[in-house]
Amino acid sequence: MTDGPFYRYDEVQCTFVEIKRSRTVLPKRILITLGLACTIAAGFYWGMVATWGSPQVVALETETEVLRSQLSEADERIDDMRSELETLARIDQELYRTILQADRIPEAARQAGVGGTDIYAEFQRFSPETRTVLRTTAENLDRLEREADLQSSSYRDLVELARERSEELRELPAIMPSDGRLVSGFGMRLHPIDRVRRMHYGIDITTPKGTPVVATADGVVKSTGRKGGYGITVEISHKKAGYVTRYAHLSKIPSTTRRGRKVRRGDVIAYSGSTGRSTAPHVHYEVFDGSGRQINPIDFFAPGMTPSEFERLKKEANTAISPLD
């Protein structure tokens, strides 16, 4: 298109007449064109918004969907952790607390904090779907935290109880006081000197004179020296376990075995002999409970023996052989 003059045909004059153009025609045309373009663009834009939403809305919806997906995955992981905690709690209740003779944790304690005022009311301002996801996640996290705190506290208690019980177990008379054969047990026996039946309050272990005699559990030496018909005697207090052990008819007590001295299970505390009212070298061994009553030492040997060994020991203890004291 050129910038030259424009003409039109005048039928009256039967000739071409030059058209005089106004200076405002071109800007008007430009404005009209721009207006139409803007109208078309605006219509297209709002059509897209109505159909798919604005870019900001689309971005927010996409972000919300990603967060919702991550929360769902977090819920699954929380469920897995709670399942593991429940397994630990079951082992705690059924195994550890049974072995340590500890009270079981009441179910009410495990459910503490459930119910009451709705602490998740702040989620009400969100859409139902978002509200549900947020509430579920918050509830699971709070429950997991409560159960973890409870289990942690339980394990601290069990560790302390195990430490205390381990000390009790170390003070539990659990081994024979000397090598040798058990020739007389706890019960009514014919006394070898008086020749009358009377109660034998311990066990007799025959062994050559001078054989080491050991403490049957950790404890503190309560007394040493001669004790009537028992001859040279050592007594050890096992305070935490609640027992006292007596070793009698000894031949010698080393200087290291003195009143108030701490001893360990297996420490040599004396040597066997035949002092006091005795007919042959041996060790007479007794166990007293917390009230001072003598009880059968055989019962304490069972934990370290097989059933067959225990039956053999009982049979030997009950054999009709006169005691040596």
C-alpha atoms as a PDB file:
ATOM      1  CA  MET A   1       0.000   0.000   0.000  1.00  0.00           C
ATOM      2  CA  THR A   2       1.325   3.468  -1.001  1.00  0.00           C
ATOM      3  CA  ASP A   3       0.925   6.819   0.633  1.00  0.00           C
ATOM      4  CA  GLY A   4      -0.380   8.468  -2.623  1.00  0.00           C
ATOM      5  CA  PRO A   5      -3.817  10.007  -3.148  1.00  0.00           C
ATOM      6  CA  PHE A   6      -7.013   7.956  -3.184  1.00  0.00           C
ATOM      7  CA  TYR A   7      -9.765   8.452  -5.821  1.00  0.00           C
ATOM      8  CA  ARG A   8     -13.408   7.590  -6.181  1.00  0.00           C
ATOM      9  CA  TYR A   9     -15.631   7.590  -9.320  1.00  0.00           C
ATOM     10  CA  ASP A  10     -18.246  10.319  -9.401  1.00  0.00           C
ATOM     11  CA  GLU A  11     -21.151   9.039 -11.501  1.00  0.00           C
ATOM     12  CA  VAL A  12     -22.690  12.494 -11.785  1.00  0.00           C
ATOM     13  CA  GLN A  13     -19.565  14.067 -13.205  1.00  0.00           C
ATOM     14  CA  CYS A  14     -18.545  10.804 -14.933  1.00  0.00           C
ATOM     15  CA  THR A  15     -14.998  11.225 -13.697  1.00  0.00           C
ATOM     16  CA  PHE A  16     -12.620  10.200 -10.809  1.00  0.00           C
ATOM     17  CA  VAL A  17     -12.482  12.591  -7.925  1.00  0.00           C
ATOM     18  CA  GLU A  18      -9.613  12.669  -5.403  1.00  0.00           C
ATOM     19  CA  ILE A  19     -10.593  11.752  -1.836  1.00  0.00           C
ATOM     20  CA  LYS A  20      -9.401  14.196   0.794  1.00  0.00           C
ATOM     21  CA  ARG A  21      -8.378  12.088   3.902  1.00  0.00           C
ATOM     22  CA  SER A  22      -8.941  13.389   7.424  1.00  0.00           C
ATOM     23  CA  ARG A  23      -5.996  13.429   9.818  1.00  0.00           C
ATOM     24  CA  THR A  24      -8.086  11.603  12.518  1.00  0.00           C
ATOM     25  CA  VAL A  25      -9.091   8.565  10.477  1.00  0.00           C
ATOM     26  CA  LEU A  26      -5.904   6.528  11.047  1.00  0.00           C
ATOM     27  CA  PRO A  27      -5.726   6.945  14.845  1.00  0.00           C
ATOM     28  CA  LYS A  28      -9.377   6.022  15.121  1.00  0.00           C
ATOM     29  CA  ARG A  29      -8.802   2.894  13.134  1.00  0.00           C
ATOM     30  CA  ILE A  30      -5.837   2.003  15.339  1.00  0.00           C
ATOM     31  CA  LEU A  31      -7.835   2.526  18.507  1.00  0.00           C
ATOM     32  CA  ILE A  32     -10.696   0.429  17.207  1.00  0.00           C
ATOM     33  CA  THR A  33      -8.304  -2.374  16.278  1.00  0.00           C
ATOM     34  CA  LEU A  34      -6.622  -2.295  19.698  1.00  0.00           C
ATOM     35  CA  GLY A  35      -9.986  -2.281  21.456  1.00  0.00           C
ATOM     36  CA  LEU A  36     -11.130  -5.333  19.533  1.00  0.00           C
ATOM     37  CA  ALA A  37      -7.853  -7.099  20.302  1.00  0.00           C
ATOM     38  CA  CYS A  38      -8.128  -6.334  24.027  1.00  0.00           C
ATOM     39  CA  THR A  39     -11.727  -7.500  24.101  1.00  0.00           C
ATOM     40  CA  ILE A  40     -10.809 -10.771  22.416  1.00  0.00           C
ATOM     41  CA  ALA A  41      -7.796 -11.256  24.770  1.00  0.00           C
ATOM     42  CA  ALA A  42      -9.876 -10.515  27.869  1.00  0.00           C
ATOM     43  CA  GLY A  43     -12.564 -12.910  26.774  1.00  0.00           C
ATOM     44  CA  PHE A  44      -9.998 -15.616  26.132  1.00  0.00           C
ATOM     45  CA  TYR A  45      -8.338 -14.993  29.543  1.00  0.00           C
ATOM     46  CA  TRP A  46     -11.565 -15.144  31.526  1.00  0.00           C
ATOM     47  CA  GLY A  47     -12.597 -18.173  29.594  1.00  0.00           C
ATOM     48  CA  MET A  48      -9.416 -19.917  30.704  1.00  0.00           C
ATOM     49  CA  VAL A  49      -9.936 -18.762  34.310  1.00  0.00           C
ATOM     50  CA  ALA A  50     -13.470 -20.068  34.295  1.00  0.00           C
ATOM     51  CA  THR A  51     -12.325 -23.390  32.863  1.00  0.00           C
ATOM     52  CA  TRP A  52      -8.974 -24.039  34.577  1.00  0.00           C
ATOM     53  CA  GLY A  53      -8.524 -21.243  37.148  1.00  0.00           C
ATOM     54  CA  SER A  54      -5.981 -18.460  37.407  1.00  0.00           C
ATOM     55  CA  PRO A  55      -2.255 -19.305  37.374  1.00  0.00           C
ATOM     56  CA  GLN A  56      -2.032 -18.381  41.060  1.00  0.00           C
ATOM     57  CA  VAL A  57      -4.973 -20.607  41.936  1.00  0.00           C
ATOM     58  CA  VAL A  58      -3.579 -23.453  39.859  1.00  0.00           C
ATOM     59  CA  ALA A  59      -0.203 -23.073  41.563  1.00  0.00           C
ATOM     60  CA  LEU A  60      -1.802 -23.072  45.027  1.00  0.00           C
ATOM     61  CA  GLU A  61      -3.936 -26.093  44.218  1.00  0.00           C
ATOM     62  CA  THR A  62      -0.878 -27.958  42.937  1.00  0.00           C
ATOM     63  CA  GLU A  63       1.087 -27.053  46.072  1.00  0.00           C
ATOM     64  CA  THR A  64      -1.818 -28.125  48.304  1.00  0.00           C
ATOM     65  CA  GLU A  65      -2.051 -31.461  46.540  1.00  0.00           C
ATOM     66  CA  VAL A  66       1.693 -32.064  46.997  1.00  0.00           C
ATOM     67  CA  LEU A  67       1.466 -31.201  50.724  1.00  0.00           C
ATOM     68  CA  ARG A  68      -1.568 -33.444  51.139  1.00  0.00           C
ATOM     69  CA  SER A  69       0.329 -36.300  49.501  1.00  0.00           C
ATOM     70  CA  GLN A  70       3.336 -35.754  51.793  1.00  0.00           C
ATOM     71  CA  LEU A  71       1.092 -35.723  54.867  1.00  0.00           C
ATOM     72  CA  SER A  72      -0.471 -39.000  53.787  1.00  0.00           C
ATOM     73  CA  GLU A  73       2.984 -40.553  53.443  1.00  0.00           C
ATOM     74  CA  ALA A  74       3.899 -39.162  56.885  1.00  0.00           C
ATOM     75  CA  ASP A  75       0.770 -40.787  58.341  1.00  0.00           C
ATOM     76  CA  GLU A  76       1.852 -44.147  56.932  1.00  0.00           C
ATOM     77  CA  ARG A  77       5.311 -43.799  58.485  1.00  0.00           C
ATOM     78  CA  ILE A  78       3.758 -42.778  61.819  1.00  0.00           C
ATOM     79  CA  ASP A  79       1.552 -45.881  61.693  1.00  0.00           C
ATOM     80  CA  ASP A  80       4.625 -48.055  61.107  1.00  0.00           C
ATOM     81  CA  MET A  81       6.407 -46.470  64.072  1.00  0.00           C
ATOM     82  CA  ARG A  82       3.365 -46.935  66.299  1.00  0.00           C
ATOM     83  CA  SER A  83       3.235 -50.587  65.271  1.00  0.00           C
ATOM     84  CA  GLU A  84       6.871 -51.028  66.337  1.00  0.00           C
ATOM     85  CA  LEU A  85       6.153 -49.244  69.628  1.00  0.00           C
ATOM     86  CA  GLU A  86       3.218 -51.550  70.283  1.00  0.00           C
ATOM     87  CA  THR A  87       5.517 -54.542  69.745  1.00  0.00           C
ATOM     88  CA  LEU A  88       8.030 -53.120  72.238  1.00  0.00           C
ATOM     89  CA  ALA A  89       5.228 -52.442  74.719  1.00  0.00           C
ATOM     90  CA  ARG A  90       3.981 -56.028  74.408  1.00  0.00           C
ATOM     91  CA  ILE A  91       7.497 -57.413  75.027  1.00  0.00           C
ATOM     92  CA  ASP A  92       7.820 -55.007  77.945  1.00  0.00           C
ATOM     93  CA  GLN A  93       4.587 -56.253  79.520  1.00  0.00           C
ATOM     94  CA  GLU A  94       4.831 -59.968  78.768  1.00  0.00           C
ATOM     95  CA  LEU A  95       8.577 -60.593  79.088  1.00  0.00           C
ATOM     96  CA  TYR A  96      10.657 -57.987  80.901  1.00  0.00           C
ATOM     97  CA  ARG A  97       8.113 -57.198  83.622  1.00  0.00           C
ATOM     98  CA  THR A  98       7.426 -60.898  84.141  1.00  0.00           C
ATOM     99  CA  ILE A  99      11.108 -61.761  84.503  1.00  0.00           C
ATOM    100  CA  LEU A 100      11.756 -58.836  86.844  1.00  0.00           C
ATOM    101  CA  GLN A 101       8.484 -59.417  88.718  1.00  0.00           C
ATOM    102  CA  ALA A 102       7.410 -55.827  88.067  1.00  0.00           C
ATOM    103  CA  ASP A 103       3.825 -54.573  88.015  1.00  0.00           C
ATOM    104  CA  ARG A 104       2.235 -54.363  84.581  1.00  0.00           C
ATOM    105  CA  ILE A 105       1.461 -50.903  83.190  1.00  0.00           C
ATOM    106  CA  PRO A 106      -2.334 -50.379  83.371  1.00  0.00           C
ATOM    107  CA  GLU A 107      -4.046 -49.931  80.025  1.00  0.00           C
ATOM    108  CA  ALA A 108      -5.571 -46.687  81.354  1.00  0.00           C
ATOM    109  CA  ALA A 109      -2.065 -45.239  81.611  1.00  0.00           C
ATOM    110  CA  ARG A 110      -1.402 -46.047  77.962  1.00  0.00           C
ATOM    111  CA  GLN A 111      -4.610 -44.259  76.956  1.00  0.00           C
ATOM    112  CA  ALA A 112      -3.869 -41.148  79.028  1.00  0.00           C
ATOM    113  CA  GLY A 113      -4.482 -37.888  77.180  1.00  0.00           C
ATOM    114  CA  VAL A 114      -7.198 -39.266  74.907  1.00  0.00           C
ATOM    115  CA  GLY A 115     -10.514 -37.385  74.975  1.00  0.00           C
ATOM    116  CA  GLY A 116     -11.470 -34.114  76.602  1.00  0.00           C
ATOM    117  CA  THR A 117     -11.390 -30.700  74.888  1.00  0.00           C
ATOM    118  CA  ASP A 118     -10.971 -30.733  71.125  1.00  0.00           C
ATOM    119  CA  ILE A 119      -7.415 -29.440  70.729  1.00  0.00           C
ATOM    120  CA  TYR A 120      -7.671 -29.667  66.947  1.00  0.00           C
ATOM    121  CA  ALA A 121     -10.505 -27.132  66.528  1.00  0.00           C
ATOM    122  CA  GLU A 122      -8.139 -24.740  64.737  1.00  0.00           C
ATOM    123  CA  PHE A 123      -8.351 -26.979  61.651  1.00  0.00           C
ATOM    124  CA  GLN A 124     -12.064 -26.192  61.214  1.00  0.00           C
ATOM    125  CA  ARG A 125     -11.262 -23.162  59.043  1.00  0.00           C
ATOM    126  CA  PHE A 126      -9.858 -25.360  56.269  1.00  0.00           C
ATOM    127  CA  SER A 127     -11.722 -27.311  53.624  1.00  0.00           C
ATOM    128  CA  PRO A 128     -13.156 -30.679  54.760  1.00  0.00           C
ATOM    129  CA  GLU A 129     -10.533 -32.686  52.891  1.00  0.00           C
ATOM    130  CA  THR A 130      -7.605 -30.617  54.176  1.00  0.00           C
ATOM    131  CA  ARG A 131      -9.090 -30.505  57.673  1.00  0.00           C
ATOM    132  CA  THR A 132      -9.331 -34.296  57.795  1.00  0.00           C
ATOM    133  CA  VAL A 133      -5.719 -34.795  56.678  1.00  0.00           C
ATOM    134  CA  LEU A 134      -4.347 -32.240  59.164  1.00  0.00           C
ATOM    135  CA  ARG A 135      -6.402 -33.606  62.055  1.00  0.00           C
ATOM    136  CA  THR A 136      -5.414 -37.223  61.388  1.00  0.00           C
ATOM    137  CA  THR A 137      -1.727 -36.340  61.197  1.00  0.00           C
ATOM    138  CA  ALA A 138      -1.836 -34.241  64.379  1.00  0.00           C
ATOM    139  CA  GLU A 139      -3.686 -36.958  66.323  1.00  0.00           C
ATOM    140  CA  ASN A 140      -1.232 -39.643  65.186  1.00  0.00           C
ATOM    141  CA  LEU A 141       1.781 -37.516  66.101  1.00  0.00           C
ATOM    142  CA  ASP A 142       0.395 -36.728  69.565  1.00  0.00           C
ATOM    143  CA  ARG A 143      -0.430 -40.391  70.224  1.00  0.00           C
ATOM    144  CA  LEU A 144       3.015 -41.470  69.027  1.00  0.00           C
ATOM    145  CA  GLU A 145       4.677 -38.925  71.327  1.00  0.00           C
ATOM    146  CA  ARG A 146       2.655 -40.119  74.343  1.00  0.00           C
ATOM    147  CA  GLU A 147       3.427 -43.781  73.697  1.00  0.00           C
ATOM    148  CA  ALA A 148       7.133 -43.074  73.107  1.00  0.00           C
ATOM    149  CA  ASP A 149       7.379 -41.095  76.372  1.00  0.00           C
ATOM    150  CA  LEU A 150       5.581 -43.857  78.282  1.00  0.00           C
ATOM    151  CA  GLN A 151       7.805 -46.589  76.820  1.00  0.00           C
ATOM    152  CA  SER A 152      10.952 -44.582  77.502  1.00  0.00           C
ATOM    153  CA  SER A 153       9.896 -44.091  81.131  1.00  0.00           C
ATOM    154  CA  SER A 154       9.079 -47.797  81.421  1.00  0.00           C
ATOM    155  CA  TYR A 155      12.513 -48.816  80.155  1.00  0.00           C
ATOM    156  CA  ARG A 156      14.225 -46.460  82.616  1.00  0.00           C
ATOM    157  CA  ASP A 157      12.288 -48.113  85.449  1.00  0.00           C
ATOM    158  CA  LEU A 158      13.118 -51.595  84.170  1.00  0.00           C
ATOM    159  CA  VAL A 159      16.831 -50.797  83.864  1.00  0.00           C
ATOM    160  CA  GLU A 160      16.891 -49.578  87.465  1.00  0.00           C
ATOM    161  CA  LEU A 161      14.901 -52.614  88.620  1.00  0.00           C
ATOM    162  CA  ALA A 162      17.218 -54.954  86.703  1.00  0.00           C
ATOM    163  CA  ARG A 163      20.211 -53.326  88.391  1.00  0.00           C
ATOM    164  CA  GLU A 164      18.644 -53.823  91.819  1.00  0.00           C
ATOM    165  CA  ARG A 165      17.616 -57.383  91.016  1.00  0.00           C
ATOM    166  CA  SER A 166      21.084 -58.201  89.684  1.00  0.00           C
ATOM    167  CA  GLU A 167      22.487 -57.279  93.093  1.00  0.00           C
ATOM    168  CA  GLU A 168      19.884 -59.506  94.741  1.00  0.00           C
ATOM    169  CA  LEU A 169      20.754 -62.370  92.396  1.00  0.00           C
ATOM    170  CA  ARG A 170      24.463 -62.016  93.179  1.00  0.00           C
ATOM    171  CA  GLU A 171      23.575 -62.356  96.881  1.00  0.00           C
ATOM    172  CA  LEU A 172      21.402 -65.426  96.344  1.00  0.00           C
ATOM    173  CA  PRO A 173      23.143 -68.600  97.649  1.00  0.00           C
ATOM    174  CA  ALA A 174      23.405 -70.613  94.462  1.00  0.00           C
ATOM    175  CA  ILE A 175      26.448 -72.909  94.512  1.00  0.00           C
ATOM    176  CA  MET A 176      27.895 -75.702  96.619  1.00  0.00           C
ATOM    177  CA  PRO A 177      30.253 -74.358  99.322  1.00  0.00           C
ATOM    178  CA  SER A 178      32.918 -76.983  98.611  1.00  0.00           C
ATOM    179  CA  ASP A 179      33.908 -79.794  96.289  1.00  0.00           C
ATOM    180  CA  GLY A 180      32.830 -83.162  97.571  1.00  0.00           C
ATOM    181  CA  ARG A 181      29.932 -85.558  97.850  1.00  0.00           C
ATOM    182  CA  LEU A 182      26.690 -84.620  99.538  1.00  0.00           C
ATOM    183  CA  VAL A 183      26.194 -87.349 102.162  1.00  0.00           C
ATOM    184  CA  SER A 184      23.362 -85.973 104.276  1.00  0.00           C
ATOM    185  CA  GLY A 185      20.490 -83.673 103.508  1.00  0.00           C
ATOM    186  CA  PHE A 186      18.010 -81.416 105.272  1.00  0.00           C
ATOM    187  CA  GLY A 187      15.524 -83.262 107.528  1.00  0.00           C
ATOM    188  CA  MET A 188      15.174 -85.843 110.304  1.00  0.00           C
ATOM    189  CA  ARG A 189      18.328 -87.945 110.722  1.00  0.00           C
ATOM    190  CA  LEU A 190      19.960 -90.281 113.237  1.00  0.00           C
ATOM    191  CA  HIS A 191      22.571 -88.231 115.063  1.00  0.00           C
ATOM    192  CA  PRO A 192      25.984 -89.984 114.738  1.00  0.00           C
ATOM    193  CA  ILE A 193      27.040 -89.181 118.323  1.00  0.00           C
ATOM    194  CA  ASP A 194      23.826 -89.046 120.350  1.00  0.00           C
ATOM    195  CA  ARG A 195      22.299 -91.971 118.379  1.00  0.00           C
ATOM    196  CA  VAL A 196      18.842 -90.404 118.431  1.00  0.00           C
ATOM    197  CA  ARG A 197      16.706 -89.055 115.587  1.00  0.00           C
ATOM    198  CA  ARG A 198      16.727 -85.325 115.412  1.00  0.00           C
ATOM    199  CA  MET A 199      16.335 -82.574 112.854  1.00  0.00           C
ATOM    200  CA  HIS A 200      19.330 -81.909 110.631  1.00  0.00           C
ATOM    201  CA  TYR A 201      19.058 -78.246 109.627  1.00  0.00           C
ATOM    202  CA  GLY A 202      21.583 -78.231 106.814  1.00  0.00           C
ATOM    203  CA  ILE A 203      23.526 -80.450 104.416  1.00  0.00           C
ATOM    204  CA  ASP A 204      26.816 -82.276 104.903  1.00  0.00           C
ATOM    205  CA  ILE A 205      29.460 -82.406 102.155  1.00  0.00           C
ATOM    206  CA  THR A 206      32.218 -84.927 102.783  1.00  0.00           C
ATOM    207  CA  THR A 207      35.642 -83.645 101.753  1.00  0.00           C
ATOM    208  CA  PRO A 208      39.288 -84.070 102.874  1.00  0.00           C
ATOM    209  CA  LYS A 209      40.490 -81.809 105.662  1.00  0.00           C
ATOM    210  CA  GLY A 210      41.862 -78.517 104.331  1.00  0.00           C
ATOM    211  CA  THR A 211      39.657 -78.401 101.229  1.00  0.00           C
ATOM    212  CA  PRO A 212      38.765 -74.769 100.355  1.00  0.00           C
ATOM    213  CA  VAL A 213      35.306 -73.603 101.399  1.00  0.00           C
ATOM    214  CA  VAL A 214      33.846 -70.751  99.342  1.00  0.00           C
ATOM    215  CA  ALA A 215      31.114 -68.165  99.839  1.00  0.00           C
ATOM    216  CA  THR A 216      27.997 -69.336  98.018  1.00  0.00           C
ATOM    217  CA  ALA A 217      26.933 -65.737  97.219  1.00  0.00           C
ATOM    218  CA  ASP A 218      28.054 -62.127  97.560  1.00  0.00           C
ATOM    219  CA  GLY A 219      27.673 -60.769 101.044  1.00  0.00           C
ATOM    220  CA  VAL A 220      29.329 -59.485 104.234  1.00  0.00           C
ATOM    221  CA  VAL A 221      30.989 -61.671 106.850  1.00  0.00           C
ATOM    222  CA  LYS A 222      28.668 -61.616 109.848  1.00  0.00           C
ATOM    223  CA  SER A 223      30.719 -63.653 112.338  1.00  0.00           C
ATOM    224  CA  THR A 224      33.678 -66.018 112.621  1.00  0.00           C
ATOM    225  CA  GLY A 225      35.038 -68.310 115.354  1.00  0.00           C
ATOM    226  CA  ARG A 226      33.937 -71.278 117.446  1.00  0.00           C
ATOM    227  CA  LYS A 227      30.216 -71.825 117.877  1.00  0.00           C
ATOM    228  CA  GLY A 228      29.434 -74.688 120.252  1.00  0.00           C
ATOM    229  CA  GLY A 229      28.872 -78.033 118.548  1.00  0.00           C
ATOM    230  CA  TYR A 230      29.362 -76.392 115.134  1.00  0.00           C
ATOM    231  CA  GLY A 231      33.060 -75.968 115.879  1.00  0.00           C
ATOM    232  CA  ILE A 232      34.904 -73.314 113.887  1.00  0.00           C
ATOM    233  CA  THR A 233      32.195 -71.470 111.956  1.00  0.00           C
ATOM    234  CA  VAL A 234      31.755 -68.624 109.439  1.00  0.00           C
ATOM    235  CA  GLU A 235      28.457 -66.864 108.873  1.00  0.00           C
ATOM    236  CA  ILE A 236      27.807 -64.517 105.933  1.00  0.00           C
ATOM    237  CA  SER A 237      24.928 -62.045 105.604  1.00  0.00           C
ATOM    238  CA  HIS A 238      23.326 -61.623 102.178  1.00  0.00           C
ATOM    239  CA  LYS A 239      21.223 -58.613 103.092  1.00  0.00           C
ATOM    240  CA  LYS A 240      19.798 -57.658  99.676  1.00  0.00           C
ATOM    241  CA  ALA A 241      18.621 -61.221  99.042  1.00  0.00           C
ATOM    242  CA  GLY A 242      17.455 -61.595 102.641  1.00  0.00           C
ATOM    243  CA  TYR A 243      19.502 -64.671 103.655  1.00  0.00           C
ATOM    244  CA  VAL A 244      22.334 -65.739 105.949  1.00  0.00           C
ATOM    245  CA  THR A 245      24.619 -68.729 105.223  1.00  0.00           C
ATOM    246  CA  ARG A 246      26.539 -70.776 107.804  1.00  0.00           C
ATOM    247  CA  TYR A 247      29.670 -72.893 107.169  1.00  0.00           C
ATOM    248  CA  ALA A 248      30.602 -75.161 110.081  1.00  0.00           C
ATOM    249  CA  HIS A 249      33.128 -77.770 111.367  1.00  0.00           C
ATOM    250  CA  LEU A 250      35.963 -75.885 109.650  1.00  0.00           C
ATOM    251  CA  SER A 251      39.631 -76.442 110.311  1.00  0.00           C
ATOM    252  CA  LYS A 252      40.983 -72.964 109.601  1.00  0.00           C
ATOM    253  CA  ILE A 253      39.773 -69.442 108.820  1.00  0.00           C
ATOM    254  CA  PRO A 254      42.230 -67.188 106.937  1.00  0.00           C
ATOM    255  CA  SER A 255      42.940 -63.720 108.328  1.00  0.00           C
ATOM    256  CA  THR A 256      41.230 -62.138 105.330  1.00  0.00           C
ATOM    257  CA  THR A 257      37.903 -63.585 106.497  1.00  0.00           C
ATOM    258  CA  ARG A 258      36.936 -61.212 109.272  1.00  0.00           C
ATOM    259  CA  ARG A 259      33.725 -59.632 110.479  1.00  0.00           C
ATOM    260  CA  GLY A 260      32.476 -56.856 108.205  1.00  0.00           C
ATOM    261  CA  ARG A 261      34.499 -57.935 105.182  1.00  0.00           C
ATOM    262  CA  LYS A 262      32.712 -58.034 101.815  1.00  0.00           C
ATOM    263  CA  VAL A 263      33.035 -61.286  99.928  1.00  0.00           C
ATOM    264  CA  ARG A 264      32.084 -62.417  96.437  1.00  0.00           C
ATOM    265  CA  ARG A 265      30.507 -65.682  95.389  1.00  0.00           C
ATOM    266  CA  GLY A 266      33.367 -68.164  94.985  1.00  0.00           C
ATOM    267  CA  ASP A 267      35.803 -66.394  97.348  1.00  0.00           C
ATOM    268  CA  VAL A 268      37.639 -68.802  99.679  1.00  0.00           C
ATOM    269  CA  ILE A 269      36.486 -68.018 103.215  1.00  0.00           C
ATOM    270  CA  ALA A 270      37.782 -71.077 105.135  1.00  0.00           C
ATOM    271  CA  TYR A 271      38.996 -74.683 104.929  1.00  0.00           C
ATOM    272  CA  SER A 272      37.088 -77.840 105.747  1.00  0.00           C
ATOM    273  CA  GLY A 273      37.720 -79.814 108.921  1.00  0.00           C
ATOM    274  CA  SER A 274      36.068 -81.780 111.715  1.00  0.00           C
ATOM    275  CA  THR A 275      35.904 -79.354 114.654  1.00  0.00           C
ATOM    276  CA  GLY A 276      33.011 -79.349 117.113  1.00  0.00           C
ATOM    277  CA  ARG A 277      30.676 -82.349 117.338  1.00  0.00           C
ATOM    278  CA  SER A 278      31.785 -84.071 114.163  1.00  0.00           C
ATOM    279  CA  THR A 279      32.810 -87.624 113.258  1.00  0.00           C
ATOM    280  CA  ALA A 280      34.781 -86.923 110.040  1.00  0.00           C
ATOM    281  CA  PRO A 281      36.089 -84.056 107.914  1.00  0.00           C
ATOM    282  CA  HIS A 282      33.262 -82.363 106.071  1.00  0.00           C
ATOM    283  CA  VAL A 283      31.456 -79.048 105.575  1.00  0.00           C
ATOM    284  CA  HIS A 284      28.140 -78.503 107.297  1.00  0.00           C
ATOM    285  CA  TYR A 285      26.187 -75.835 105.367  1.00  0.00           C
ATOM    286  CA  GLU A 286      22.993 -74.032 106.406  1.00  0.00           C
ATOM    287  CA  VAL A 287      20.798 -71.266 104.927  1.00  0.00           C
ATOM    288  CA  PHE A 288      18.619 -68.944 107.045  1.00  0.00           C
ATOM    289  CA  ASP A 289      15.760 -66.811 105.748  1.00  0.00           C
ATOM    290  CA  GLY A 290      14.967 -63.238 106.853  1.00  0.00           C
ATOM    291  CA  SER A 291      13.208 -64.409 110.011  1.00  0.00           C
ATOM    292  CA  GLY A 292      16.137 -66.585 111.098  1.00  0.00           C
ATOM    293  CA  ARG A 293      14.478 -69.861 110.131  1.00  0.00           C
ATOM    294  CA  GLN A 294      16.663 -72.556 108.578  1.00  0.00           C
ATOM    295  CA  ILE A 295      15.561 -73.657 105.087  1.00  0.00           C
ATOM    296  CA  ASN A 296      16.692 -76.436 102.775  1.00  0.00           C
ATOM    297  CA  PRO A 297      19.901 -75.367 100.930  1.00  0.00           C
ATOM    298  CA  ILE A 298      19.141 -77.869  98.154  1.00  0.00           C
ATOM    299  CA  ASP A 299      16.404 -75.572  96.814  1.00  0.00           C
ATOM    300  CA  PHE A 300      19.008 -72.922  95.982  1.00  0.00           C
ATOM    301  CA  PHE A 301      21.128 -75.191  93.830  1.00  0.00           C
ATOM    302  CA  ALA A 302      18.350 -75.855  91.290  1.00  0.00           C
ATOM    303  CA  PRO A 303      18.792 -72.731  89.057  1.00  0.00           C
ATOM    304  CA  GLY A 304      22.302 -73.804  88.067  1.00  0.00           C
ATOM    305  CA  MET A 305      21.447 -77.446  87.405  1.00  0.00           C
ATOM    306  CA  THR A 306      19.729 -79.525  84.783  1.00  0.00           C
ATOM    307  CA  PRO A 307      16.612 -81.425  85.924  1.00  0.00           C
ATOM    308  CA  SER A 308      18.534 -84.703  85.979  1.00  0.00           C
ATOM    309  CA  GLU A 309      21.349 -83.205  88.072  1.00  0.00           C
ATOM    310  CA  PHE A 310      18.851 -81.757  90.521  1.00  0.00           C
ATOM    311  CA  GLU A 311      17.044 -85.094  90.872  1.00  0.00           C
ATOM    312  CA  ARG A 312      20.375 -86.830  91.500  1.00  0.00           C
ATOM    313  CA  LEU A 313      21.268 -84.264  94.165  1.00  0.00           C
ATOM    314  CA  LYS A 314      17.922 -84.704  95.923  1.00  0.00           C
ATOM    315  CA  LYS A 315      18.347 -88.467  95.837  1.00  0.00           C
ATOM    316  CA  GLU A 316      21.801 -88.189  97.414  1.00  0.00           C
ATOM    317  CA  ALA A 317      20.501 -85.789 100.069  1.00  0.00           C
ATOM    318  CA  ASN A 318      17.688 -88.143 101.018  1.00  0.00           C
ATOM    319  CA  THR A 319      19.855 -91.276 101.111  1.00  0.00           C
ATOM    320  CA  ALA A 320      19.672 -92.990 104.503  1.00  0.00           C
ATOM    321  CA  ILE A 321      23.178 -92.110 105.615  1.00  0.00           C
ATOM    322  CA  SER A 322      23.834 -90.759 109.081  1.00  0.00           C
ATOM    323  CA  PRO A 323      24.997 -87.130 109.198  1.00  0.00           C
ATOM    324  CA  LEU A 324      28.596 -86.424 110.125  1.00  0.00           C
ATOM    325  CA  ASP A 325      27.587 -83.934 112.847  1.00  0.00           C
END
